[in-house]
């Protein structure tokens, strides 16, 4: 039970699941049947309806202002996902997500400063190391910045706002109540996509034309990603959102290793460039992320022992 209530451990598990899922996302987004972004994001939001399974486990209707904040955060979560997957589709998996790993925690921290009491938690040095790891990976790439940076920045700021809004809700109600209303917002955002005729045609045409095997792996991957996302918001209910977001760097360790292995063993699935300089820089970024996680575990562990 102590482990379940450890926000940092939950964040590590969450980002590990999402990192593995994002590698497979990149593989799926190479296929014509799953390359359609409106369909991809729609089903990402629609699957959030399973969050209602938490209703028997302590749900009560929050105050109207909290309901509005949580619902808005859910809608914004789908908007952020659009820009996130747009950037992922436009660039290499490791480079695109590394940029997000640098900017997203910074955006979360800046938004949290005027709104939360402890925007960086008790570990500002660990936060800085993990963010630095994301930026090192970013700077190591020969990246078409003009192509992906606007989407990455928009997605980072939107995700940062979502994280802070959810923390505000969780500080004033229990996790189940805040999360259920949040998922309703995400589902509502997905249904709103159907109002645009061109998107509606793309969503249902792509879904009908996709072979059963593609649909199967897509929904399996969505389950893994959904589990990771659930744990992210659970971790935010227990710890500072900027700190949880900084642990995003762990995703890039997994993505870096996964992309490298797939490039070597299954280049027909995913092929990315790993030259000597890029490989060295990414290894350095990985070392910074790991150092930040170690320092974070020591700091948070010491604080827990003192408590």
Protein backbone atom coordinates (compact mmCIF):
# COMPACT_ATOMS: atom_id res chain seq x y z
CA UNK A 1 0.00 0.00 0.00
CA UNK A 2 2.91 2.35 0.70
CA UNK A 3 4.19 1.79 -2.84
CA UNK A 4 0.77 2.52 -4.34
CA UNK A 5 0.75 5.87 -2.54
CA UNK A 6 4.25 6.80 -3.72
CA UNK A 7 3.73 9.42 -6.43
CA UNK A 8 7.27 9.12 -7.79
CA UNK A 9 7.05 5.33 -8.16
CA UNK A 10 3.67 5.67 -9.87
CA UNK A 11 5.15 8.26 -12.26
CA UNK A 12 8.06 5.93 -13.11
CA UNK A 13 5.63 3.09 -13.91
CA UNK A 14 3.38 5.45 -15.88
CA UNK A 15 6.13 6.83 -18.10
CA UNK A 16 7.56 3.35 -18.64
CA UNK A 17 4.20 2.15 -20.02
CA UNK A 18 3.79 5.27 -22.17
CA UNK A 19 7.36 5.05 -23.50
CA UNK A 20 6.78 1.49 -24.72
CA UNK A 21 3.41 2.51 -26.16
CA UNK A 22 4.87 5.48 -28.05
CA UNK A 23 7.42 3.30 -29.81
CA UNK A 24 4.57 1.15 -31.10
CA UNK A 25 2.60 4.31 -31.96
CA UNK A 26 5.42 5.34 -34.26
CA UNK A 27 5.34 1.93 -35.93
CA UNK A 28 1.56 2.10 -36.35
CA UNK A 29 1.66 5.66 -37.71
CA UNK A 30 3.81 4.41 -40.59
CA UNK A 31 0.92 2.25 -41.83
CA UNK A 32 -1.63 3.84 -44.18
CA UNK A 33 -4.53 2.43 -42.16
CA UNK A 34 -3.40 4.15 -38.94
CA UNK A 35 -1.72 7.23 -40.36
CA UNK A 36 -4.99 9.18 -40.32
CA UNK A 37 -4.55 11.61 -37.42
CA UNK A 38 -8.24 12.51 -36.79
CA UNK A 39 -9.15 8.82 -36.52
CA UNK A 40 -6.15 8.12 -34.30
CA UNK A 41 -6.93 10.95 -31.86
CA UNK A 42 -10.69 10.29 -31.90
CA UNK A 43 -10.31 6.71 -30.73
CA UNK A 44 -7.72 7.80 -28.18
CA UNK A 45 -10.36 10.05 -26.64
CA UNK A 46 -13.29 7.68 -27.09
CA UNK A 47 -11.52 4.88 -25.22
CA UNK A 48 -11.32 7.20 -22.20
CA UNK A 49 -14.95 6.25 -21.52
CA UNK A 50 -13.53 3.26 -19.60
CA UNK A 51 -12.55 5.74 -16.90
CA UNK A 52 -16.17 5.47 -15.77
CA UNK A 53 -15.26 2.02 -14.40
CA UNK A 54 -13.94 3.91 -11.36
CA UNK A 55 -17.44 5.15 -10.41
CA UNK A 56 -18.02 2.49 -7.68
CA UNK A 57 -14.69 3.27 -6.00
CA UNK A 58 -15.44 6.49 -4.15
CA UNK A 59 -16.97 8.82 -6.74
CA UNK A 60 -19.01 11.78 -5.60
CA UNK A 61 -20.01 14.80 -7.66
CA UNK A 62 -17.43 17.55 -7.00
CA UNK A 63 -18.34 21.20 -6.50
CA UNK A 64 -19.49 22.92 -9.72
CA UNK A 65 -16.25 24.92 -10.09
CA UNK A 66 -14.15 21.75 -9.72
CA UNK A 67 -16.35 19.92 -12.23
CA UNK A 68 -15.79 22.75 -14.72
CA UNK A 69 -12.02 22.71 -14.20
CA UNK A 70 -11.75 18.90 -14.50
CA UNK A 71 -14.01 18.79 -17.56
CA UNK A 72 -12.01 21.57 -19.26
CA UNK A 73 -8.78 19.72 -18.46
CA UNK A 74 -10.21 16.62 -20.15
CA UNK A 75 -11.04 18.52 -23.33
CA UNK A 76 -7.61 20.19 -23.35
CA UNK A 77 -6.01 16.77 -22.88
CA UNK A 78 -7.37 15.70 -26.27
CA UNK A 79 -6.20 18.98 -27.86
CA UNK A 80 -2.71 18.41 -26.45
CA UNK A 81 -2.76 14.82 -27.75
CA UNK A 82 -3.54 16.09 -31.25
CA UNK A 83 -0.41 18.25 -31.34
CA UNK A 84 1.63 15.51 -29.64
CA UNK A 85 0.76 12.87 -32.24
CA UNK A 86 1.01 15.39 -35.08
CA UNK A 87 4.62 16.05 -34.04
CA UNK A 88 5.28 12.32 -33.60
CA UNK A 89 3.96 11.64 -37.08
CA UNK A 90 6.06 14.44 -38.58
CA UNK A 91 9.45 13.57 -37.08
CA UNK A 92 11.50 10.68 -35.76
CA UNK A 93 10.12 9.13 -32.59
CA UNK A 94 13.19 9.70 -30.43
CA UNK A 95 13.87 13.28 -31.54
CA UNK A 96 10.28 14.52 -31.40
CA UNK A 97 9.59 13.09 -27.96
CA UNK A 98 12.92 14.32 -26.62
CA UNK A 99 11.92 17.88 -27.46
CA UNK A 100 8.65 17.38 -25.61
CA UNK A 101 10.66 16.03 -22.68
CA UNK A 102 12.52 19.32 -22.44
CA UNK A 103 9.71 21.79 -22.95
CA UNK A 104 6.73 20.07 -21.30
CA UNK A 105 8.09 20.00 -17.70
CA UNK A 106 9.24 23.63 -18.02
CA UNK A 107 5.79 24.66 -19.25
CA UNK A 108 4.17 22.76 -16.38
CA UNK A 109 6.48 24.42 -13.84
CA UNK A 110 5.88 27.93 -15.19
CA UNK A 111 2.11 27.47 -15.16
CA UNK A 112 2.27 25.92 -11.65
CA UNK A 113 4.28 28.78 -10.07
CA UNK A 114 1.33 31.19 -9.58
CA UNK A 115 -1.22 28.42 -8.95
CA UNK A 116 0.40 25.78 -6.70
CA UNK A 117 2.24 25.98 -3.37
CA UNK A 118 5.10 23.65 -4.37
CA UNK A 119 5.48 23.90 -8.17
CA UNK A 120 8.69 21.78 -8.22
CA UNK A 121 8.09 19.62 -5.16
CA UNK A 122 11.06 19.09 -2.84
CA UNK A 123 13.57 18.20 -5.56
CA UNK A 124 14.40 21.16 -7.84
CA UNK A 125 17.88 19.76 -8.61
CA UNK A 126 16.47 16.39 -9.70
CA UNK A 127 13.87 18.23 -11.79
CA UNK A 128 16.64 20.25 -13.47
CA UNK A 129 18.72 17.15 -14.26
CA UNK A 130 15.81 15.31 -15.88
CA UNK A 131 14.77 18.34 -17.93
CA UNK A 132 18.40 18.85 -18.98
CA UNK A 133 18.44 15.25 -20.23
CA UNK A 134 15.50 16.02 -22.52
CA UNK A 135 17.20 19.13 -23.89
CA UNK A 136 20.49 17.29 -24.48
CA UNK A 137 18.62 14.74 -26.59
CA UNK A 138 16.91 17.61 -28.43
CA UNK A 139 20.19 19.38 -29.21
CA UNK A 140 21.75 16.13 -30.46
CA UNK A 141 19.36 15.93 -33.41
CA UNK A 142 19.66 17.31 -36.93
CA UNK A 143 16.06 18.38 -36.63
CA UNK A 144 13.77 20.26 -38.98
CA UNK A 145 12.76 22.64 -36.18
CA UNK A 146 10.34 24.63 -38.29
CA UNK A 147 8.39 21.47 -39.09
CA UNK A 148 7.80 20.09 -35.59
CA UNK A 149 8.58 22.82 -33.04
CA UNK A 150 5.23 24.72 -33.26
CA UNK A 151 3.31 21.50 -32.58
CA UNK A 152 5.69 20.46 -29.82
CA UNK A 153 5.46 23.84 -28.06
CA UNK A 154 1.67 23.96 -28.35
CA UNK A 155 1.37 20.39 -27.07
CA UNK A 156 3.82 21.04 -24.21
CA UNK A 157 2.01 24.16 -22.99
CA UNK A 158 -1.39 22.48 -23.26
CA UNK A 159 -0.24 19.37 -21.41
CA UNK A 160 1.32 21.62 -18.75
CA UNK A 161 -1.99 23.42 -18.28
CA UNK A 162 -3.84 20.09 -18.08
CA UNK A 163 -1.46 18.79 -15.40
CA UNK A 164 -1.81 21.90 -13.23
CA UNK A 165 -5.60 22.05 -13.58
CA UNK A 166 -5.89 18.41 -12.56
CA UNK A 167 -3.65 18.98 -9.53
CA UNK A 168 -5.91 21.85 -8.45
CA UNK A 169 -8.89 19.49 -8.66
CA UNK A 170 -7.15 16.64 -6.81
CA UNK A 171 -6.12 18.97 -4.00
CA UNK A 172 -9.80 19.70 -3.31
CA UNK A 173 -11.49 16.37 -3.99
CA UNK A 174 -10.52 12.70 -4.16
CA UNK A 175 -8.72 11.24 -7.15
CA UNK A 176 -11.62 9.09 -8.41
CA UNK A 177 -14.07 11.99 -8.51
CA UNK A 178 -11.66 14.31 -10.30
CA UNK A 179 -10.51 11.68 -12.78
CA UNK A 180 -14.02 10.55 -13.76
CA UNK A 181 -15.06 14.12 -14.64
CA UNK A 182 -11.74 14.55 -16.47
CA UNK A 183 -12.43 11.49 -18.65
CA UNK A 184 -15.91 12.81 -19.43
CA UNK A 185 -14.25 15.94 -20.80
CA UNK A 186 -11.91 13.87 -22.95
CA UNK A 187 -14.80 11.78 -24.34
CA UNK A 188 -16.79 14.96 -25.03
CA UNK A 189 -13.81 16.34 -26.96
CA UNK A 190 -13.68 13.16 -29.03
CA UNK A 191 -17.41 13.32 -29.81
CA UNK A 192 -17.04 16.98 -30.80
CA UNK A 193 -14.60 15.87 -33.51
CA UNK A 194 -17.52 14.14 -35.25
CA UNK A 195 -19.17 17.53 -35.84
CA UNK A 196 -16.69 18.28 -38.60
CA UNK A 197 -17.87 16.33 -41.70
CA UNK A 198 -14.40 15.75 -43.17
CA UNK A 199 -13.09 14.37 -39.89
CA UNK A 200 -16.20 12.22 -39.43
CA UNK A 201 -15.67 10.63 -42.86
CA UNK A 202 -11.98 10.04 -42.14
CA UNK A 203 -12.67 8.50 -38.73
CA UNK A 204 -15.25 5.97 -39.90
CA UNK A 205 -13.70 5.26 -43.31
CA UNK A 206 -10.30 4.55 -41.74
CA UNK A 207 -11.86 2.36 -39.06
CA UNK A 208 -13.79 0.30 -41.64
CA UNK A 209 -10.83 -0.12 -43.99
CA UNK A 210 -8.26 -1.06 -41.36
CA UNK A 211 -7.57 -4.82 -41.31
CA UNK A 212 -8.49 -6.68 -38.11
CA UNK A 213 -4.84 -7.17 -37.16
CA UNK A 214 -4.16 -3.40 -37.31
CA UNK A 215 -7.25 -2.67 -35.24
CA UNK A 216 -6.28 -5.32 -32.69
CA UNK A 217 -2.77 -3.96 -32.11
CA UNK A 218 -4.04 -0.38 -32.11
CA UNK A 219 -6.50 -1.07 -29.28
CA UNK A 220 -3.97 -3.16 -27.34
CA UNK A 221 -1.55 -0.25 -27.58
CA UNK A 222 -4.26 2.21 -26.59
CA UNK A 223 -4.90 0.11 -23.48
CA UNK A 224 -1.21 0.25 -22.52
CA UNK A 225 -1.09 3.99 -23.20
CA UNK A 226 -4.34 4.52 -21.31
CA UNK A 227 -2.97 2.64 -18.30
CA UNK A 228 0.13 4.83 -18.38
CA UNK A 229 -1.95 8.01 -18.68
CA UNK A 230 -4.15 6.92 -15.79
CA UNK A 231 -1.07 6.39 -13.62
CA UNK A 232 0.33 9.80 -14.66
CA UNK A 233 -2.77 11.56 -13.32
CA UNK A 234 -2.79 9.36 -10.24
CA UNK A 235 0.85 10.33 -9.65
CA UNK A 236 -0.07 14.01 -10.10
CA UNK A 237 -2.65 13.59 -7.33
CA UNK A 238 0.21 12.48 -5.04
CA UNK A 239 3.16 14.66 -6.14
CA UNK A 240 4.05 17.99 -7.79
CA UNK A 241 2.87 17.92 -11.44
CA UNK A 242 6.10 19.49 -12.77
CA UNK A 243 8.10 16.74 -11.06
CA UNK A 244 5.85 14.02 -12.49
CA UNK A 245 6.21 15.64 -15.91
CA UNK A 246 10.01 15.81 -15.55
CA UNK A 247 10.07 12.02 -15.11
CA UNK A 248 8.87 12.05 -18.72
CA UNK A 249 12.59 11.79 -19.45
CA UNK A 250 12.29 8.10 -18.60
CA UNK A 251 10.09 7.70 -21.68
CA UNK A 252 12.96 8.85 -23.87
CA UNK A 253 15.34 6.37 -22.32
CA UNK A 254 12.87 3.63 -23.27
CA UNK A 255 12.18 5.20 -26.68
CA UNK A 256 15.88 5.64 -27.39
CA UNK A 257 16.64 2.01 -26.55
CA UNK A 258 13.51 0.71 -28.30
CA UNK A 259 14.10 2.74 -31.49
CA UNK A 260 17.74 1.62 -31.58
CA UNK A 261 16.78 -2.06 -31.17
CA UNK A 262 14.05 -1.87 -33.81
CA UNK A 263 16.38 -0.07 -36.22
CA UNK A 264 18.89 -2.90 -35.83
CA UNK A 265 16.53 -5.86 -35.75
CA UNK A 266 13.38 -4.74 -37.60
CA UNK A 267 14.20 -1.78 -39.89
CA UNK A 268 11.04 -2.63 -41.85
CA UNK A 269 9.07 -1.63 -38.73
CA UNK A 270 11.05 1.45 -37.69
CA UNK A 271 14.30 2.92 -38.95
CA UNK A 272 16.01 5.92 -37.38
CA UNK A 273 19.48 7.39 -37.65
CA UNK A 274 21.98 6.63 -34.88
CA UNK A 275 25.33 8.09 -35.90
CA UNK A 276 28.26 8.28 -33.48
CA UNK A 277 27.60 11.86 -32.33
CA UNK A 278 23.85 11.35 -31.98
CA UNK A 279 24.34 8.08 -30.12
CA UNK A 280 26.82 9.69 -27.70
CA UNK A 281 24.56 12.69 -27.05
CA UNK A 282 21.52 10.50 -26.44
CA UNK A 283 23.54 8.35 -24.07
CA UNK A 284 24.53 11.54 -22.22
CA UNK A 285 20.90 12.65 -22.04
CA UNK A 286 19.95 9.21 -20.72
CA UNK A 287 22.64 9.50 -18.02
CA UNK A 288 21.22 12.86 -16.89
CA UNK A 289 17.70 11.42 -16.68
CA UNK A 290 18.92 8.45 -14.64
CA UNK A 291 20.95 10.74 -12.35
CA UNK A 292 17.86 12.87 -11.79
CA UNK A 293 15.76 9.80 -10.97
CA UNK A 294 18.37 8.54 -8.50
CA UNK A 295 18.58 11.93 -6.78
CA UNK A 296 14.81 12.17 -6.76
CA UNK A 297 14.45 8.76 -5.13
CA UNK A 298 17.00 9.72 -2.46
CA UNK A 299 15.37 13.09 -1.78
CA UNK A 300 11.80 11.83 -1.71
CA UNK A 301 12.81 8.73 0.24
CA UNK A 302 14.55 10.85 2.84
CA UNK A 303 11.54 13.13 3.15
CA UNK A 304 9.24 10.14 3.57
CA UNK A 305 11.50 8.69 6.29
CA UNK A 306 11.52 12.02 8.12
CA UNK A 307 7.74 12.10 7.96
